């Protein structure tokens, strides 16, 4: 594990976003593969996020029907209002758990976007660094001859 400021990151992720100044050629070679890996992770998380959104709606609908049935069968309640049914449904555990899972996936999705942005920044930095190194080599008389 790699420590960056006060956060701990997986070593592979740290290698993906940081530039090894002692082996620039290896950094040029690996940046595309790193990007492909994290894009795939982001796509998998996006899929899970979209499925979780659907699950929230499904759980909310099921909870609504269960709450309606529960309240309709309660002899103390003559005729349940829509607000009472919705309030009862919102307190059921399945929709709450589904919303919690959705929130976790939304956080993962944002985190992966940040990783991808960091790798894009690394790629741009490597391009600039490569251009600078080429200029330096062109100005060096020993290399030109």
C-alpha atoms as a PDB file:
ATOM      1  CA  UNK A   1       0.000   0.000   0.000  1.00  0.00           C
ATOM      2  CA  UNK A   2       1.151   3.514  -0.845  1.00  0.00           C
ATOM      3  CA  UNK A   3       0.570   6.537   1.348  1.00  0.00           C
ATOM      4  CA  UNK A   4      -0.301   9.790  -0.461  1.00  0.00           C
ATOM      5  CA  UNK A   5      -0.854  12.618   2.001  1.00  0.00           C
ATOM      6  CA  UNK A   6      -3.188  11.119   4.596  1.00  0.00           C
ATOM      7  CA  UNK A   7      -4.760   8.467   2.333  1.00  0.00           C
ATOM      8  CA  UNK A   8      -3.631   4.921   1.598  1.00  0.00           C
ATOM      9  CA  UNK A   9      -3.838   3.655  -1.979  1.00  0.00           C
ATOM     10  CA  UNK A  10      -3.210   0.359  -3.711  1.00  0.00           C
ATOM     11  CA  UNK A  11       0.360   0.178  -5.050  1.00  0.00           C
ATOM     12  CA  UNK A  12      -0.825  -0.490  -8.604  1.00  0.00           C
ATOM     13  CA  UNK A  13      -3.036   2.597  -8.580  1.00  0.00           C
ATOM     14  CA  UNK A  14      -0.184   4.703  -7.236  1.00  0.00           C
ATOM     15  CA  UNK A  15       2.074   3.456 -10.032  1.00  0.00           C
ATOM     16  CA  UNK A  16      -0.626   4.292 -12.579  1.00  0.00           C
ATOM     17  CA  UNK A  17      -0.948   7.912 -11.522  1.00  0.00           C
ATOM     18  CA  UNK A  18       2.615   8.755 -10.485  1.00  0.00           C
ATOM     19  CA  UNK A  19       5.576   9.282 -12.841  1.00  0.00           C
ATOM     20  CA  UNK A  20       8.732   7.295 -12.175  1.00  0.00           C
ATOM     21  CA  UNK A  21      11.309   9.916 -13.102  1.00  0.00           C
ATOM     22  CA  UNK A  22      14.033   7.255 -13.293  1.00  0.00           C
ATOM     23  CA  UNK A  23      12.312   5.250 -16.044  1.00  0.00           C
ATOM     24  CA  UNK A  24      10.418   7.629 -18.331  1.00  0.00           C
ATOM     25  CA  UNK A  25      10.435   5.139 -21.224  1.00  0.00           C
ATOM     26  CA  UNK A  26       8.566   2.578 -19.132  1.00  0.00           C
ATOM     27  CA  UNK A  27       6.043   5.265 -18.190  1.00  0.00           C
ATOM     28  CA  UNK A  28       5.396   6.024 -21.872  1.00  0.00           C
ATOM     29  CA  UNK A  29       4.875   2.329 -22.545  1.00  0.00           C
ATOM     30  CA  UNK A  30       2.504   1.631 -19.671  1.00  0.00           C
ATOM     31  CA  UNK A  31       0.220   4.695 -19.668  1.00  0.00           C
ATOM     32  CA  UNK A  32      -2.127   3.342 -22.376  1.00  0.00           C
ATOM     33  CA  UNK A  33      -2.505   0.001 -20.638  1.00  0.00           C
ATOM     34  CA  UNK A  34      -3.151   1.736 -17.325  1.00  0.00           C
ATOM     35  CA  UNK A  35      -5.814   3.885 -18.961  1.00  0.00           C
ATOM     36  CA  UNK A  36      -7.468   0.836 -20.525  1.00  0.00           C
ATOM     37  CA  UNK A  37      -7.517  -0.979 -17.184  1.00  0.00           C
ATOM     38  CA  UNK A  38      -9.136   1.904 -15.300  1.00  0.00           C
ATOM     39  CA  UNK A  39     -11.622   2.638 -18.104  1.00  0.00           C
ATOM     40  CA  UNK A  40     -12.746  -0.968 -17.836  1.00  0.00           C
ATOM     41  CA  UNK A  41     -13.077  -0.649 -14.046  1.00  0.00           C
ATOM     42  CA  UNK A  42     -15.082   2.556 -14.541  1.00  0.00           C
ATOM     43  CA  UNK A  43     -17.371   0.832 -17.051  1.00  0.00           C
ATOM     44  CA  UNK A  44     -17.973  -2.059 -14.656  1.00  0.00           C
ATOM     45  CA  UNK A  45     -18.804   0.386 -11.876  1.00  0.00           C
ATOM     46  CA  UNK A  46     -21.108   2.357 -14.183  1.00  0.00           C
ATOM     47  CA  UNK A  47     -22.971  -0.863 -15.026  1.00  0.00           C
ATOM     48  CA  UNK A  48     -23.333  -1.729 -11.351  1.00  0.00           C
ATOM     49  CA  UNK A  49     -24.477   1.840 -10.634  1.00  0.00           C
ATOM     50  CA  UNK A  50     -27.197   1.698 -13.291  1.00  0.00           C
ATOM     51  CA  UNK A  51     -28.398  -1.684 -12.042  1.00  0.00           C
ATOM     52  CA  UNK A  52     -28.445  -0.333  -8.491  1.00  0.00           C
ATOM     53  CA  UNK A  53     -30.591   2.612  -9.624  1.00  0.00           C
ATOM     54  CA  UNK A  54     -33.059   0.131 -11.082  1.00  0.00           C
ATOM     55  CA  UNK A  55     -32.957  -1.907  -7.872  1.00  0.00           C
ATOM     56  CA  UNK A  56     -33.807   1.189  -5.804  1.00  0.00           C
ATOM     57  CA  UNK A  57     -36.893   1.837  -7.934  1.00  0.00           C
ATOM     58  CA  UNK A  58     -37.887  -1.823  -7.741  1.00  0.00           C
ATOM     59  CA  UNK A  59     -37.436  -1.948  -3.955  1.00  0.00           C
ATOM     60  CA  UNK A  60     -39.375   1.268  -3.515  1.00  0.00           C
ATOM     61  CA  UNK A  61     -42.253  -0.083  -5.616  1.00  0.00           C
ATOM     62  CA  UNK A  62     -42.303  -3.363  -3.699  1.00  0.00           C
ATOM     63  CA  UNK A  63     -42.181  -1.526  -0.381  1.00  0.00           C
ATOM     64  CA  UNK A  64     -45.053   0.706  -1.485  1.00  0.00           C
ATOM     65  CA  UNK A  65     -47.200  -2.322  -2.317  1.00  0.00           C
ATOM     66  CA  UNK A  66     -46.293  -3.995   0.977  1.00  0.00           C
ATOM     67  CA  UNK A  67     -47.075  -0.822   2.912  1.00  0.00           C
ATOM     68  CA  UNK A  68     -50.410  -0.449   1.114  1.00  0.00           C
ATOM     69  CA  UNK A  69     -51.343  -4.031   1.962  1.00  0.00           C
ATOM     70  CA  UNK A  70     -50.188  -3.674   5.561  1.00  0.00           C
ATOM     71  CA  UNK A  71     -52.172  -0.500   6.090  1.00  0.00           C
ATOM     72  CA  UNK A  72     -55.262  -1.813   4.275  1.00  0.00           C
ATOM     73  CA  UNK A  73     -55.292  -4.798   6.644  1.00  0.00           C
ATOM     74  CA  UNK A  74     -54.791  -2.696   9.782  1.00  0.00           C
ATOM     75  CA  UNK A  75     -58.174  -2.455  11.582  1.00  0.00           C
ATOM     76  CA  UNK A  76     -57.050   0.711  13.369  1.00  0.00           C
ATOM     77  CA  UNK A  77     -56.774   2.568  10.058  1.00  0.00           C
ATOM     78  CA  UNK A  78     -60.012   3.090   8.143  1.00  0.00           C
ATOM     79  CA  UNK A  79     -58.602   4.405   4.918  1.00  0.00           C
ATOM     80  CA  UNK A  80     -54.846   5.004   4.594  1.00  0.00           C
ATOM     81  CA  UNK A  81     -53.797   8.196   2.868  1.00  0.00           C
ATOM     82  CA  UNK A  82     -51.227   8.256   0.095  1.00  0.00           C
ATOM     83  CA  UNK A  83     -48.826  10.132   2.381  1.00  0.00           C
ATOM     84  CA  UNK A  84     -49.163   7.465   5.087  1.00  0.00           C
ATOM     85  CA  UNK A  85     -48.511   4.664   2.581  1.00  0.00           C
ATOM     86  CA  UNK A  86     -45.419   6.462   1.241  1.00  0.00           C
ATOM     87  CA  UNK A  87     -44.145   7.227   4.743  1.00  0.00           C
ATOM     88  CA  UNK A  88     -44.602   3.598   5.788  1.00  0.00           C
ATOM     89  CA  UNK A  89     -42.891   2.362   2.602  1.00  0.00           C
ATOM     90  CA  UNK A  90     -39.944   4.727   3.094  1.00  0.00           C
ATOM     91  CA  UNK A  91     -39.235   3.195   6.522  1.00  0.00           C
ATOM     92  CA  UNK A  92     -38.922  -0.351   5.170  1.00  0.00           C
ATOM     93  CA  UNK A  93     -35.384  -1.771   5.209  1.00  0.00           C
ATOM     94  CA  UNK A  94     -35.102  -3.009   1.591  1.00  0.00           C
ATOM     95  CA  UNK A  95     -35.324   0.412  -0.096  1.00  0.00           C
ATOM     96  CA  UNK A  96     -32.998   1.932   2.496  1.00  0.00           C
ATOM     97  CA  UNK A  97     -30.410  -0.772   1.856  1.00  0.00           C
ATOM     98  CA  UNK A  98     -30.772  -0.365  -1.913  1.00  0.00           C
ATOM     99  CA  UNK A  99     -30.268   3.408  -1.623  1.00  0.00           C
ATOM    100  CA  UNK A 100     -27.173   2.815   0.519  1.00  0.00           C
ATOM    101  CA  UNK A 101     -25.725   0.486  -2.130  1.00  0.00           C
ATOM    102  CA  UNK A 102     -26.494   3.080  -4.807  1.00  0.00           C
ATOM    103  CA  UNK A 103     -24.721   5.776  -2.794  1.00  0.00           C
ATOM    104  CA  UNK A 104     -21.659   3.542  -2.385  1.00  0.00           C
ATOM    105  CA  UNK A 105     -21.533   2.889  -6.138  1.00  0.00           C
ATOM    106  CA  UNK A 106     -21.954   6.604  -6.870  1.00  0.00           C
ATOM    107  CA  UNK A 107     -18.941   7.297  -4.648  1.00  0.00           C
ATOM    108  CA  UNK A 108     -16.921   4.572  -6.399  1.00  0.00           C
ATOM    109  CA  UNK A 109     -17.927   6.015  -9.761  1.00  0.00           C
ATOM    110  CA  UNK A 110     -16.657   9.475  -8.778  1.00  0.00           C
ATOM    111  CA  UNK A 111     -13.456   8.000  -7.387  1.00  0.00           C
ATOM    112  CA  UNK A 112     -12.772   6.165 -10.645  1.00  0.00           C
ATOM    113  CA  UNK A 113     -13.416   9.345 -12.621  1.00  0.00           C
ATOM    114  CA  UNK A 114     -10.721  10.965 -10.513  1.00  0.00           C
ATOM    115  CA  UNK A 115      -8.286   8.130 -11.179  1.00  0.00           C
ATOM    116  CA  UNK A 116      -8.905   8.421 -14.910  1.00  0.00           C
ATOM    117  CA  UNK A 117      -8.391  12.183 -14.760  1.00  0.00           C
ATOM    118  CA  UNK A 118      -5.093  11.634 -12.924  1.00  0.00           C
ATOM    119  CA  UNK A 119      -3.926   9.162 -15.594  1.00  0.00           C
ATOM    120  CA  UNK A 120      -4.907  11.614 -18.359  1.00  0.00           C
ATOM    121  CA  UNK A 121      -2.897  14.290 -16.575  1.00  0.00           C
ATOM    122  CA  UNK A 122       0.035  11.873 -16.316  1.00  0.00           C
ATOM    123  CA  UNK A 123      -0.241  11.146 -20.052  1.00  0.00           C
ATOM    124  CA  UNK A 124      -0.272  14.866 -20.865  1.00  0.00           C
ATOM    125  CA  UNK A 125       2.726  15.431 -18.585  1.00  0.00           C
ATOM    126  CA  UNK A 126       4.625  12.610 -20.272  1.00  0.00           C
ATOM    127  CA  UNK A 127       3.889  14.098 -23.698  1.00  0.00           C
ATOM    128  CA  UNK A 128       5.203  17.475 -22.555  1.00  0.00           C
ATOM    129  CA  UNK A 129       8.216  15.879 -20.915  1.00  0.00           C
ATOM    130  CA  UNK A 130       8.965  13.884 -24.065  1.00  0.00           C
ATOM    131  CA  UNK A 131       8.797  17.027 -26.195  1.00  0.00           C
ATOM    132  CA  UNK A 132      11.115  18.831 -23.790  1.00  0.00           C
ATOM    133  CA  UNK A 133      13.623  15.948 -23.840  1.00  0.00           C
ATOM    134  CA  UNK A 134      13.587  15.906 -27.664  1.00  0.00           C
ATOM    135  CA  UNK A 135      14.283  19.647 -27.770  1.00  0.00           C
ATOM    136  CA  UNK A 136      17.161  19.230 -25.327  1.00  0.00           C
ATOM    137  CA  UNK A 137      18.629  16.421 -27.425  1.00  0.00           C
ATOM    138  CA  UNK A 138      18.339  18.511 -30.607  1.00  0.00           C
ATOM    139  CA  UNK A 139      20.268  21.326 -28.942  1.00  0.00           C
ATOM    140  CA  UNK A 140      23.022  19.028 -27.663  1.00  0.00           C
ATOM    141  CA  UNK A 141      25.879  19.163 -30.244  1.00  0.00           C
ATOM    142  CA  UNK A 142      27.176  15.720 -29.241  1.00  0.00           C
ATOM    143  CA  UNK A 143      23.841  14.091 -30.007  1.00  0.00           C
ATOM    144  CA  UNK A 144      23.241  16.055 -33.245  1.00  0.00           C
ATOM    145  CA  UNK A 145      26.545  14.913 -34.751  1.00  0.00           C
END
